[in-house]
All heavy atoms as atom14 arrays in JSON, in Angstrom:
{
  "sequence": "LGEGEGLGTTINVPLPARTGFHVYDSIFRQVMVPAMDRFD",
  "atom14_mask": [
    [1, 1, 1, 1, 1, 1, 1, 1, 0, 0, 0, 0, 0, 0],
    [1, 1, 1, 1, 0, 0, 0, 0, 0, 0, 0, 0, 0, 0],
    [1, 1, 1, 1, 1, 1, 1, 1, 1, 0, 0, 0, 0, 0],
    [1, 1, 1, 1, 0, 0, 0, 0, 0, 0, 0, 0, 0, 0],
    [1, 1, 1, 1, 1, 1, 1, 1, 1, 0, 0, 0, 0, 0],
    [1, 1, 1, 1, 0, 0, 0, 0, 0, 0, 0, 0, 0, 0],
    [1, 1, 1, 1, 1, 1, 1, 1, 0, 0, 0, 0, 0, 0],
    [1, 1, 1, 1, 0, 0, 0, 0, 0, 0, 0, 0, 0, 0],
    [1, 1, 1, 1, 1, 1, 1, 0, 0, 0, 0, 0, 0, 0],
    [1, 1, 1, 1, 1, 1, 1, 0, 0, 0, 0, 0, 0, 0],
    [1, 1, 1, 1, 1, 1, 1, 1, 0, 0, 0, 0, 0, 0],
    [1, 1, 1, 1, 1, 1, 1, 1, 0, 0, 0, 0, 0, 0],
    [1, 1, 1, 1, 1, 1, 1, 0, 0, 0, 0, 0, 0, 0],
    [1, 1, 1, 1, 1, 1, 1, 0, 0, 0, 0, 0, 0, 0],
    [1, 1, 1, 1, 1, 1, 1, 1, 0, 0, 0, 0, 0, 0],
    [1, 1, 1, 1, 1, 1, 1, 0, 0, 0, 0, 0, 0, 0],
    [1, 1, 1, 1, 1, 0, 0, 0, 0, 0, 0, 0, 0, 0],
    [1, 1, 1, 1, 1, 1, 1, 1, 1, 1, 1, 0, 0, 0],
    [1, 1, 1, 1, 1, 1, 1, 0, 0, 0, 0, 0, 0, 0],
    [1, 1, 1, 1, 0, 0, 0, 0, 0, 0, 0, 0, 0, 0],
    [1, 1, 1, 1, 1, 1, 1, 1, 1, 1, 1, 0, 0, 0],
    [1, 1, 1, 1, 1, 1, 1, 1, 1, 1, 0, 0, 0, 0],
    [1, 1, 1, 1, 1, 1, 1, 0, 0, 0, 0, 0, 0, 0],
    [1, 1, 1, 1, 1, 1, 1, 1, 1, 1, 1, 1, 0, 0],
    [1, 1, 1, 1, 1, 1, 1, 1, 0, 0, 0, 0, 0, 0],
    [1, 1, 1, 1, 1, 1, 0, 0, 0, 0, 0, 0, 0, 0],
    [1, 1, 1, 1, 1, 1, 1, 1, 0, 0, 0, 0, 0, 0],
    [1, 1, 1, 1, 1, 1, 1, 1, 1, 1, 1, 0, 0, 0],
    [1, 1, 1, 1, 1, 1, 1, 1, 1, 1, 1, 0, 0, 0],
    [1, 1, 1, 1, 1, 1, 1, 1, 1, 0, 0, 0, 0, 0],
    [1, 1, 1, 1, 1, 1, 1, 0, 0, 0, 0, 0, 0, 0],
    [1, 1, 1, 1, 1, 1, 1, 1, 0, 0, 0, 0, 0, 0],
    [1, 1, 1, 1, 1, 1, 1, 0, 0, 0, 0, 0, 0, 0],
    [1, 1, 1, 1, 1, 1, 1, 0, 0, 0, 0, 0, 0, 0],
    [1, 1, 1, 1, 1, 0, 0, 0, 0, 0, 0, 0, 0, 0],
    [1, 1, 1, 1, 1, 1, 1, 1, 0, 0, 0, 0, 0, 0],
    [1, 1, 1, 1, 1, 1, 1, 1, 0, 0, 0, 0, 0, 0],
    [1, 1, 1, 1, 1, 1, 1, 1, 1, 1, 1, 0, 0, 0],
    [1, 1, 1, 1, 1, 1, 1, 1, 1, 1, 1, 0, 0, 0],
    [1, 1, 1, 1, 1, 1, 1, 1, 0, 0, 0, 0, 0, 0]
  ],
  "atom14_positions": [
    [[148.93, 83.45, 156.77], [148.38, 84.59, 156.09], [149.08, 85.02, 154.76], [148.69, 85.92, 154.12], [148.42, 85.79, 157.03], [147.76, 85.54, 158.47], [148.0, 86.79, 159.35], [146.27, 85.16, 158.33], [0.0, 0.0, 0.0], [0.0, 0.0, 0.0], [0.0, 0.0, 0.0], [0.0, 0.0, 0.0], [0.0, 0.0, 0.0], [0.0, 0.0, 0.0]],
    [[150.18, 84.28, 154.42], [151.03, 84.75, 153.35], [152.23, 85.44, 153.98], [152.25, 85.63, 155.19], [0.0, 0.0, 0.0], [0.0, 0.0, 0.0], [0.0, 0.0, 0.0], [0.0, 0.0, 0.0], [0.0, 0.0, 0.0], [0.0, 0.0, 0.0], [0.0, 0.0, 0.0], [0.0, 0.0, 0.0], [0.0, 0.0, 0.0], [0.0, 0.0, 0.0]],
    [[153.14, 85.79, 153.14], [154.31, 86.45, 153.63], [154.86, 87.5, 152.59], [154.54, 87.34, 151.38], [155.42, 85.46, 154.05], [156.03, 84.65, 152.88], [156.99, 83.6, 153.34], [157.05, 83.33, 154.6], [157.7, 83.04, 152.61], [0.0, 0.0, 0.0], [0.0, 0.0, 0.0], [0.0, 0.0, 0.0], [0.0, 0.0, 0.0], [0.0, 0.0, 0.0]],
    [[155.75, 88.35, 153.06], [156.32, 89.33, 152.13], [155.27, 90.11, 151.43], [154.29, 90.6, 152.15], [0.0, 0.0, 0.0], [0.0, 0.0, 0.0], [0.0, 0.0, 0.0], [0.0, 0.0, 0.0], [0.0, 0.0, 0.0], [0.0, 0.0, 0.0], [0.0, 0.0, 0.0], [0.0, 0.0, 0.0], [0.0, 0.0, 0.0], [0.0, 0.0, 0.0]],
    [[155.3, 90.34, 150.17], [154.29, 91.08, 149.41], [152.92, 90.42, 149.44], [151.86, 91.06, 149.31], [154.76, 91.42, 148.04], [155.95, 92.32, 147.91], [156.25, 92.62, 146.44], [155.67, 91.97, 145.55], [157.14, 93.62, 146.24], [0.0, 0.0, 0.0], [0.0, 0.0, 0.0], [0.0, 0.0, 0.0], [0.0, 0.0, 0.0], [0.0, 0.0, 0.0]],
    [[152.93, 89.17, 149.64], [151.73, 88.38, 149.71], [151.0, 88.2, 151.03], [150.01, 87.59, 151.24], [0.0, 0.0, 0.0], [0.0, 0.0, 0.0], [0.0, 0.0, 0.0], [0.0, 0.0, 0.0], [0.0, 0.0, 0.0], [0.0, 0.0, 0.0], [0.0, 0.0, 0.0], [0.0, 0.0, 0.0], [0.0, 0.0, 0.0], [0.0, 0.0, 0.0]],
    [[151.58, 88.93, 152.0], [150.97, 88.97, 153.39], [149.53, 89.43, 153.29], [149.31, 90.52, 152.75], [151.72, 89.78, 154.31], [151.26, 89.81, 155.75], [151.37, 88.46, 156.46], [152.03, 90.85, 156.66], [0.0, 0.0, 0.0], [0.0, 0.0, 0.0], [0.0, 0.0, 0.0], [0.0, 0.0, 0.0], [0.0, 0.0, 0.0], [0.0, 0.0, 0.0]],
    [[148.51, 88.59, 153.76], [147.19, 89.01, 153.77], [146.41, 88.48, 152.56], [145.17, 88.53, 152.51], [0.0, 0.0, 0.0], [0.0, 0.0, 0.0], [0.0, 0.0, 0.0], [0.0, 0.0, 0.0], [0.0, 0.0, 0.0], [0.0, 0.0, 0.0], [0.0, 0.0, 0.0], [0.0, 0.0, 0.0], [0.0, 0.0, 0.0], [0.0, 0.0, 0.0]],
    [[147.08, 87.76, 151.62], [146.32, 87.19, 150.47], [146.29, 85.63, 150.58], [145.96, 85.01, 149.65], [147.03, 87.52, 149.18], [148.44, 87.14, 149.16], [146.93, 88.98, 148.91], [0.0, 0.0, 0.0], [0.0, 0.0, 0.0], [0.0, 0.0, 0.0], [0.0, 0.0, 0.0], [0.0, 0.0, 0.0], [0.0, 0.0, 0.0], [0.0, 0.0, 0.0]],
    [[146.42, 85.12, 151.81], [146.05, 83.72, 152.11], [145.06, 83.72, 153.3], [145.32, 84.42, 154.37], [147.31, 82.94, 152.52], [148.16, 82.82, 151.41], [146.89, 81.53, 152.95], [0.0, 0.0, 0.0], [0.0, 0.0, 0.0], [0.0, 0.0, 0.0], [0.0, 0.0, 0.0], [0.0, 0.0, 0.0], [0.0, 0.0, 0.0], [0.0, 0.0, 0.0]],
    [[143.89, 83.14, 153.09], [142.88, 83.06, 154.15], [142.5, 81.6, 154.25], [141.97, 80.98, 153.36], [141.61, 83.86, 153.66], [142.01, 85.35, 153.5], [140.53, 83.74, 154.72], [140.85, 86.17, 153.05], [0.0, 0.0, 0.0], [0.0, 0.0, 0.0], [0.0, 0.0, 0.0], [0.0, 0.0, 0.0], [0.0, 0.0, 0.0], [0.0, 0.0, 0.0]],
    [[142.8, 81.07, 155.53], [142.43, 79.71, 155.79], [141.39, 79.65, 156.85], [141.44, 80.37, 157.9], [143.67, 78.98, 156.29], [144.62, 78.61, 155.2], [144.26, 77.97, 154.13], [145.91, 78.95, 155.38], [0.0, 0.0, 0.0], [0.0, 0.0, 0.0], [0.0, 0.0, 0.0], [0.0, 0.0, 0.0], [0.0, 0.0, 0.0], [0.0, 0.0, 0.0]],
    [[140.42, 78.75, 156.64], [139.38, 78.56, 157.71], [139.29, 77.03, 158.01], [138.64, 76.3, 157.36], [137.98, 79.03, 157.14], [136.96, 78.84, 158.22], [138.06, 80.44, 156.68], [0.0, 0.0, 0.0], [0.0, 0.0, 0.0], [0.0, 0.0, 0.0], [0.0, 0.0, 0.0], [0.0, 0.0, 0.0], [0.0, 0.0, 0.0], [0.0, 0.0, 0.0]],
    [[140.12, 76.64, 158.97], [140.03, 75.21, 159.48], [138.81, 74.99, 160.32], [138.61, 75.73, 161.23], [141.35, 75.06, 160.2], [141.68, 76.48, 160.78], [141.16, 77.42, 159.69], [0.0, 0.0, 0.0], [0.0, 0.0, 0.0], [0.0, 0.0, 0.0], [0.0, 0.0, 0.0], [0.0, 0.0, 0.0], [0.0, 0.0, 0.0], [0.0, 0.0, 0.0]],
    [[138.12, 73.91, 160.06], [136.9, 73.62, 160.86], [136.99, 72.16, 161.37], [137.57, 71.28, 160.76], [135.7, 73.79, 159.92], [135.35, 75.19, 159.37], [134.3, 75.09, 158.37], [135.04, 76.19, 160.5], [0.0, 0.0, 0.0], [0.0, 0.0, 0.0], [0.0, 0.0, 0.0], [0.0, 0.0, 0.0], [0.0, 0.0, 0.0], [0.0, 0.0, 0.0]],
    [[136.31, 71.93, 162.48], [136.33, 70.59, 163.08], [135.52, 69.62, 162.23], [134.6, 70.02, 161.47], [135.8, 70.77, 164.49], [134.92, 72.01, 164.44], [135.64, 72.87, 163.36], [0.0, 0.0, 0.0], [0.0, 0.0, 0.0], [0.0, 0.0, 0.0], [0.0, 0.0, 0.0], [0.0, 0.0, 0.0], [0.0, 0.0, 0.0], [0.0, 0.0, 0.0]],
    [[135.74, 68.34, 162.39], [134.91, 67.36, 161.76], [133.47, 67.5, 162.1], [133.11, 67.96, 163.17], [135.43, 65.94, 162.12], [0.0, 0.0, 0.0], [0.0, 0.0, 0.0], [0.0, 0.0, 0.0], [0.0, 0.0, 0.0], [0.0, 0.0, 0.0], [0.0, 0.0, 0.0], [0.0, 0.0, 0.0], [0.0, 0.0, 0.0], [0.0, 0.0, 0.0]],
    [[132.65, 67.13, 161.14], [131.16, 66.98, 161.3], [130.61, 68.48, 161.31], [129.47, 68.61, 161.82], [130.72, 66.21, 162.47], [131.18, 64.83, 162.43], [130.67, 63.95, 163.56], [131.12, 62.57, 163.62], [132.31, 62.23, 164.05], [133.14, 63.06, 164.6], [132.62, 60.86, 163.93], [0.0, 0.0, 0.0], [0.0, 0.0, 0.0], [0.0, 0.0, 0.0]],
    [[131.24, 69.48, 160.8], [130.71, 70.83, 160.62], [129.73, 70.74, 159.49], [129.9, 70.19, 158.41], [131.87, 71.82, 160.32], [132.64, 71.82, 161.43], [131.28, 73.11, 160.11], [0.0, 0.0, 0.0], [0.0, 0.0, 0.0], [0.0, 0.0, 0.0], [0.0, 0.0, 0.0], [0.0, 0.0, 0.0], [0.0, 0.0, 0.0], [0.0, 0.0, 0.0]],
    [[128.58, 71.45, 159.74], [127.52, 71.51, 158.76], [127.35, 72.72, 157.96], [128.18, 73.7, 158.12], [0.0, 0.0, 0.0], [0.0, 0.0, 0.0], [0.0, 0.0, 0.0], [0.0, 0.0, 0.0], [0.0, 0.0, 0.0], [0.0, 0.0, 0.0], [0.0, 0.0, 0.0], [0.0, 0.0, 0.0], [0.0, 0.0, 0.0], [0.0, 0.0, 0.0]],
    [[126.33, 72.8, 157.11], [126.21, 73.88, 156.14], [126.11, 75.2, 156.74], [126.61, 76.23, 156.25], [124.94, 73.53, 155.3], [124.5, 74.82, 154.47], [125.39, 75.29, 153.35], [123.37, 75.46, 154.73], [124.97, 76.36, 152.67], [122.99, 76.57, 154.06], [123.77, 77.0, 153.01], [0.0, 0.0, 0.0], [0.0, 0.0, 0.0], [0.0, 0.0, 0.0]],
    [[125.33, 75.36, 157.86], [125.09, 76.72, 158.38], [126.42, 77.41, 158.72], [126.48, 78.64, 158.67], [124.13, 76.68, 159.56], [124.57, 76.01, 160.78], [124.71, 74.7, 160.91], [125.07, 76.55, 161.92], [125.19, 74.38, 162.09], [125.38, 75.59, 162.74], [0.0, 0.0, 0.0], [0.0, 0.0, 0.0], [0.0, 0.0, 0.0], [0.0, 0.0, 0.0]],
    [[127.43, 76.67, 159.17], [128.73, 77.24, 159.49], [129.4, 77.69, 158.26], [129.88, 78.79, 158.12], [129.62, 76.27, 160.34], [130.93, 76.81, 160.57], [128.87, 75.83, 161.57], [0.0, 0.0, 0.0], [0.0, 0.0, 0.0], [0.0, 0.0, 0.0], [0.0, 0.0, 0.0], [0.0, 0.0, 0.0], [0.0, 0.0, 0.0], [0.0, 0.0, 0.0]],
    [[129.47, 76.76, 157.24], [130.05, 77.14, 155.94], [129.39, 78.33, 155.35], [130.01, 79.28, 154.79], [129.89, 75.98, 154.97], [130.93, 74.87, 155.04], [130.91, 73.9, 156.0], [131.98, 74.82, 154.08], [131.86, 72.88, 156.04], [132.94, 73.8, 154.07], [132.84, 72.8, 155.1], [133.83, 71.87, 155.14], [0.0, 0.0, 0.0], [0.0, 0.0, 0.0]],
    [[128.05, 78.41, 155.43], [127.31, 79.49, 154.77], [127.74, 80.78, 155.43], [127.85, 81.84, 154.7], [125.82, 79.2, 154.98], [124.96, 80.28, 154.18], [125.19, 80.47, 153.01], [124.12, 80.86, 154.86], [0.0, 0.0, 0.0], [0.0, 0.0, 0.0], [0.0, 0.0, 0.0], [0.0, 0.0, 0.0], [0.0, 0.0, 0.0], [0.0, 0.0, 0.0]],
    [[127.8, 80.84, 156.71], [128.23, 82.06, 157.39], [129.56, 82.59, 157.04], [129.88, 83.7, 156.85], [128.11, 81.94, 159.0], [126.74, 81.68, 159.28], [0.0, 0.0, 0.0], [0.0, 0.0, 0.0], [0.0, 0.0, 0.0], [0.0, 0.0, 0.0], [0.0, 0.0, 0.0], [0.0, 0.0, 0.0], [0.0, 0.0, 0.0], [0.0, 0.0, 0.0]],
    [[130.53, 81.55, 157.0], [131.94, 81.86, 156.58], [131.94, 82.4, 155.18], [132.63, 83.4, 154.89], [132.71, 80.61, 156.63], [132.91, 80.21, 158.18], [134.08, 80.8, 156.04], [133.46, 78.86, 158.46], [0.0, 0.0, 0.0], [0.0, 0.0, 0.0], [0.0, 0.0, 0.0], [0.0, 0.0, 0.0], [0.0, 0.0, 0.0], [0.0, 0.0, 0.0]],
    [[131.22, 81.8, 154.24], [131.23, 82.29, 152.84], [130.69, 83.7, 152.8], [131.3, 84.55, 152.11], [130.42, 81.35, 151.96], [131.25, 80.25, 151.37], [132.12, 79.42, 152.09], [131.14, 80.06, 149.95], [132.81, 78.4, 151.46], [131.92, 79.06, 149.41], [132.69, 78.25, 150.14], [0.0, 0.0, 0.0], [0.0, 0.0, 0.0], [0.0, 0.0, 0.0]],
    [[129.58, 83.97, 153.39], [128.92, 85.33, 153.33], [129.67, 86.34, 154.1], [129.67, 87.49, 153.66], [127.51, 85.11, 153.72], [126.61, 84.29, 152.82], [125.17, 84.2, 153.23], [124.43, 83.31, 152.37], [123.98, 83.61, 151.13], [124.17, 84.84, 150.65], [123.28, 82.72, 150.42], [0.0, 0.0, 0.0], [0.0, 0.0, 0.0], [0.0, 0.0, 0.0]],
    [[130.16, 86.01, 155.25], [130.72, 87.06, 156.1], [132.27, 87.15, 156.13], [132.77, 88.15, 156.65], [130.28, 86.8, 157.56], [128.73, 86.88, 157.7], [128.29, 86.64, 159.14], [128.7, 87.51, 159.98], [127.44, 85.68, 159.35], [0.0, 0.0, 0.0], [0.0, 0.0, 0.0], [0.0, 0.0, 0.0], [0.0, 0.0, 0.0], [0.0, 0.0, 0.0]],
    [[132.95, 86.21, 155.54], [134.41, 86.22, 155.43], [134.85, 86.21, 153.95], [135.52, 87.11, 153.49], [135.14, 85.02, 156.26], [136.63, 85.18, 156.13], [134.64, 85.19, 157.68], [0.0, 0.0, 0.0], [0.0, 0.0, 0.0], [0.0, 0.0, 0.0], [0.0, 0.0, 0.0], [0.0, 0.0, 0.0], [0.0, 0.0, 0.0], [0.0, 0.0, 0.0]],
    [[134.43, 85.13, 153.24], [134.86, 85.09, 151.82], [134.38, 86.23, 150.96], [135.19, 86.79, 150.23], [134.33, 83.77, 151.28], [134.91, 83.48, 149.87], [134.08, 82.23, 149.05], [132.5, 83.0, 148.6], [0.0, 0.0, 0.0], [0.0, 0.0, 0.0], [0.0, 0.0, 0.0], [0.0, 0.0, 0.0], [0.0, 0.0, 0.0], [0.0, 0.0, 0.0]],
    [[133.03, 86.53, 151.05], [132.54, 87.61, 150.21], [133.18, 88.95, 150.46], [133.59, 89.62, 149.52], [131.0, 87.71, 150.33], [130.49, 88.95, 149.74], [130.36, 86.48, 149.72], [0.0, 0.0, 0.0], [0.0, 0.0, 0.0], [0.0, 0.0, 0.0], [0.0, 0.0, 0.0], [0.0, 0.0, 0.0], [0.0, 0.0, 0.0], [0.0, 0.0, 0.0]],
    [[133.37, 89.39, 151.7], [134.1, 90.71, 151.93], [135.47, 90.62, 151.43], [135.98, 91.61, 150.89], [134.01, 90.82, 153.46], [132.83, 90.05, 153.9], [132.81, 88.92, 152.99], [0.0, 0.0, 0.0], [0.0, 0.0, 0.0], [0.0, 0.0, 0.0], [0.0, 0.0, 0.0], [0.0, 0.0, 0.0], [0.0, 0.0, 0.0], [0.0, 0.0, 0.0]],
    [[136.16, 89.46, 151.59], [137.57, 89.38, 151.16], [137.64, 89.47, 149.62], [138.44, 90.14, 149.02], [138.18, 88.01, 151.66], [0.0, 0.0, 0.0], [0.0, 0.0, 0.0], [0.0, 0.0, 0.0], [0.0, 0.0, 0.0], [0.0, 0.0, 0.0], [0.0, 0.0, 0.0], [0.0, 0.0, 0.0], [0.0, 0.0, 0.0], [0.0, 0.0, 0.0]],
    [[136.66, 88.84, 148.98], [136.55, 88.79, 147.51], [136.3, 90.26, 147.03], [136.88, 90.78, 146.1], [135.38, 87.92, 147.07], [135.19, 87.88, 145.54], [133.51, 87.1, 145.13], [133.84, 85.47, 145.7], [0.0, 0.0, 0.0], [0.0, 0.0, 0.0], [0.0, 0.0, 0.0], [0.0, 0.0, 0.0], [0.0, 0.0, 0.0], [0.0, 0.0, 0.0]],
    [[135.32, 90.89, 147.77], [135.03, 92.27, 147.3], [136.19, 93.25, 147.46], [136.43, 94.07, 146.57], [133.88, 92.75, 148.24], [133.34, 94.18, 147.82], [132.63, 94.21, 146.77], [133.7, 95.09, 148.55], [0.0, 0.0, 0.0], [0.0, 0.0, 0.0], [0.0, 0.0, 0.0], [0.0, 0.0, 0.0], [0.0, 0.0, 0.0], [0.0, 0.0, 0.0]],
    [[136.93, 93.08, 148.55], [138.07, 93.92, 148.79], [139.19, 93.6, 147.81], [139.94, 94.59, 147.35], [138.55, 93.7, 150.16], [139.81, 94.55, 150.55], [140.2, 94.35, 152.05], [140.65, 93.0, 152.31], [141.04, 92.55, 153.5], [140.86, 93.32, 154.56], [141.57, 91.28, 153.62], [0.0, 0.0, 0.0], [0.0, 0.0, 0.0], [0.0, 0.0, 0.0]],
    [[139.42, 92.42, 147.41], [140.5, 92.03, 146.47], [140.18, 92.45, 145.02], [141.03, 92.64, 144.26], [140.76, 90.49, 146.63], [141.92, 90.0, 145.82], [143.2, 90.37, 146.15], [141.72, 89.16, 144.73], [144.29, 89.91, 145.53], [142.77, 88.74, 143.98], [144.11, 89.13, 144.39], [0.0, 0.0, 0.0], [0.0, 0.0, 0.0], [0.0, 0.0, 0.0]],
    [[138.82, 92.33, 144.73], [138.4, 92.66, 143.43], [138.93, 91.83, 142.27], [139.58, 92.31, 141.38], [138.62, 94.17, 143.17], [137.75, 94.77, 141.95], [136.72, 94.14, 141.71], [138.17, 95.72, 141.37], [0.0, 0.0, 0.0], [0.0, 0.0, 0.0], [0.0, 0.0, 0.0], [0.0, 0.0, 0.0], [0.0, 0.0, 0.0], [0.0, 0.0, 0.0]]
  ]
}
C-alpha cells in the first residue's frame, strides 16, 4: 500500500491468469475511478 507519507498511494490489483474484460472493467470503474477522484 506504500509506506510512510506514501501509505495509501499504492494500489495493486493482482488477478489470476485468463481473467477477462468484465473483471477489469469493474475494477476500473469501481476502484480506480474513485481512487482517481479522491486523489485529484
